[in-house]
Protein backbone atom coordinates (compact mmCIF):
# COMPACT_ATOMS: atom_id res chain seq x y z
CA GLN A 1 114.63 109.81 93.52
CA VAL A 2 114.07 109.20 97.22
CA GLN A 3 116.63 107.05 98.99
CA LEU A 4 116.72 105.90 102.60
CA VAL A 5 119.87 104.13 103.74
CA GLU A 6 120.03 102.42 107.12
CA SER A 7 123.20 101.64 109.04
CA GLY A 8 124.23 100.54 112.50
CA GLY A 9 122.80 97.05 112.70
CA GLY A 10 124.77 94.12 114.07
CA LEU A 11 125.06 91.41 116.68
CA VAL A 12 124.72 92.25 120.36
CA GLN A 13 124.16 90.33 123.57
CA ALA A 14 120.91 90.59 125.47
CA GLY A 15 120.90 93.72 127.59
CA GLY A 16 123.15 95.56 125.17
CA SER A 17 122.54 98.60 122.98
CA LEU A 18 122.66 99.56 119.32
CA ARG A 19 121.89 102.75 117.43
CA LEU A 20 120.43 102.60 113.96
CA SER A 21 120.75 105.52 111.56
CA CYS A 22 118.75 106.25 108.44
CA ALA A 23 120.06 108.85 106.01
CA ALA A 24 117.51 110.29 103.60
CA SER A 25 117.96 111.97 100.25
CA GLY A 26 115.70 113.08 97.44
CA LEU A 27 112.96 114.50 99.67
CA THR A 28 112.46 117.46 101.96
CA PHE A 29 113.26 115.48 105.07
CA SER A 30 112.20 118.05 107.63
CA ILE A 31 108.53 117.98 106.58
CA HIS A 32 108.06 114.21 106.62
CA THR A 33 107.08 112.06 109.55
CA MET A 34 109.61 109.23 109.84
CA GLY A 35 109.04 105.74 111.18
CA TRP A 36 110.84 102.53 112.04
CA PHE A 37 109.28 99.14 111.39
CA ARG A 38 110.21 95.48 111.78
CA PRO A 39 108.46 92.21 110.91
CA ALA A 40 105.79 91.18 113.41
CA PRO A 41 103.45 88.17 113.64
CA GLY A 42 101.02 88.51 110.77
CA LYS A 43 102.71 91.65 109.46
CA ALA A 44 105.57 92.11 107.07
CA ARG A 45 106.27 95.49 108.64
CA GLY A 46 105.08 96.06 112.20
CA PHE A 47 105.28 99.48 113.83
CA VAL A 48 108.21 100.20 116.14
CA ALA A 49 108.49 103.98 116.48
CA ALA A 50 107.65 107.25 114.73
CA ASN A 51 108.85 110.84 114.94
CA THR A 52 106.51 113.47 113.56
CA TRP A 53 107.66 116.03 111.03
CA THR A 54 107.47 118.73 113.68
CA GLY A 55 109.95 116.71 115.72
CA GLY A 56 107.85 117.38 118.77
CA ASN A 57 106.02 114.09 119.04
CA THR A 58 107.31 110.55 119.25
CA TYR A 59 105.35 107.31 119.37
CA TYR A 60 106.36 103.77 120.27
CA ALA A 61 105.02 100.25 120.12
CA ASP A 62 104.28 98.92 123.60
CA SER A 63 106.94 96.25 123.16
CA VAL A 64 109.75 98.82 122.88
CA LYS A 65 108.44 101.68 125.02
CA GLY A 66 110.98 102.73 127.62
CA ARG A 67 113.82 100.93 125.82
CA PHE A 68 113.96 102.50 122.35
CA THR A 69 114.25 106.19 121.46
CA ILE A 70 113.60 107.70 118.05
CA SER A 71 115.13 111.06 117.17
CA ARG A 72 115.96 113.09 114.10
CA ASP A 73 118.55 115.60 112.92
CA ASN A 74 117.02 117.66 110.14
CA ALA A 75 120.35 119.31 109.37
CA LYS A 76 121.75 115.87 108.51
CA ASN A 77 118.54 114.46 106.99
CA THR A 78 118.88 111.55 109.37
CA VAL A 79 116.59 109.69 111.75
CA TYR A 80 117.95 107.51 114.53
CA LEU A 81 116.70 104.62 116.62
CA GLN A 82 118.56 104.16 119.88
CA MET A 83 117.88 100.66 121.19
CA ASN A 84 118.74 99.85 124.81
CA SER A 85 118.12 96.80 126.99
CA LEU A 86 117.84 94.67 123.89
CA LYS A 87 116.13 91.30 124.09
CA PRO A 88 116.35 88.25 121.82
CA ASP A 89 112.78 89.03 120.72
CA ASP A 90 114.09 92.28 119.21
CA THR A 91 116.02 90.27 116.62
CA ALA A 92 114.75 91.43 113.22
CA ALA A 93 115.47 93.47 110.15
CA TYR A 94 114.64 97.11 110.93
CA TYR A 95 113.32 99.38 108.20
CA CYS A 96 113.09 103.14 108.26
CA ALA A 97 110.38 104.83 106.26
CA ALA A 98 109.18 108.28 105.23
CA HIS A 99 105.48 109.13 105.40
CA ARG A 100 103.69 109.41 102.09
CA HIS A 101 102.44 112.96 102.71
CA PRO A 102 104.52 115.91 103.90
CA PHE A 103 103.17 117.81 106.91
CA TYR A 104 101.16 114.72 107.84
CA THR A 105 101.16 112.54 110.94
CA ALA A 106 97.90 110.60 110.80
CA ASP A 107 98.12 106.81 110.74
CA TYR A 108 101.83 107.01 111.62
CA TYR A 109 101.62 103.42 112.96
CA LEU A 110 100.46 101.91 109.65
CA SER A 111 103.09 100.74 107.19
CA GLY A 112 100.69 101.60 104.37
CA SER A 113 101.05 105.29 105.26
CA TYR A 114 104.69 105.24 104.17
CA ASP A 115 105.79 105.30 100.55
CA TYR A 116 109.55 105.37 100.95
CA TRP A 117 111.55 102.59 102.57
CA GLY A 118 115.12 101.74 103.31
CA GLN A 119 116.74 98.40 102.53
CA GLY A 120 116.70 97.25 106.16
CA ALA A 121 119.32 96.84 108.88
CA GLN A 122 119.66 93.47 110.57
CA VAL A 123 119.72 93.43 114.36
CA THR A 124 120.53 90.15 116.09
CA VAL A 125 120.32 89.83 119.87
CA SER A 126 121.89 86.74 121.41
CA SER A 127 120.75 85.31 124.74
């Protein structure tokens, strides 16, 4: 049974930083592309960032580019989202997800490409 467990959410002032972690179990973590999503206008889960299974490629939504960094530690089966220069608009529940297919990176920005989801970590940014 695949489980993804997020941690690290909380309340922070605008301009501050938080790091989210997502620990995975029940799958071969190193061969799955991992993503982070949050609600967006018209979408229950809008794309934030992705890290391909090779670890060599990272992708970001325009709204977070230059402020957020996704990384992974395959030895710990964990993916991270470092969030800097946070803005009130970043307030949301953040969900990590594992791509449906191992060794696959296509459509990394679509929530429908991911079969496994965490429970969400709430991030609140005060102005």
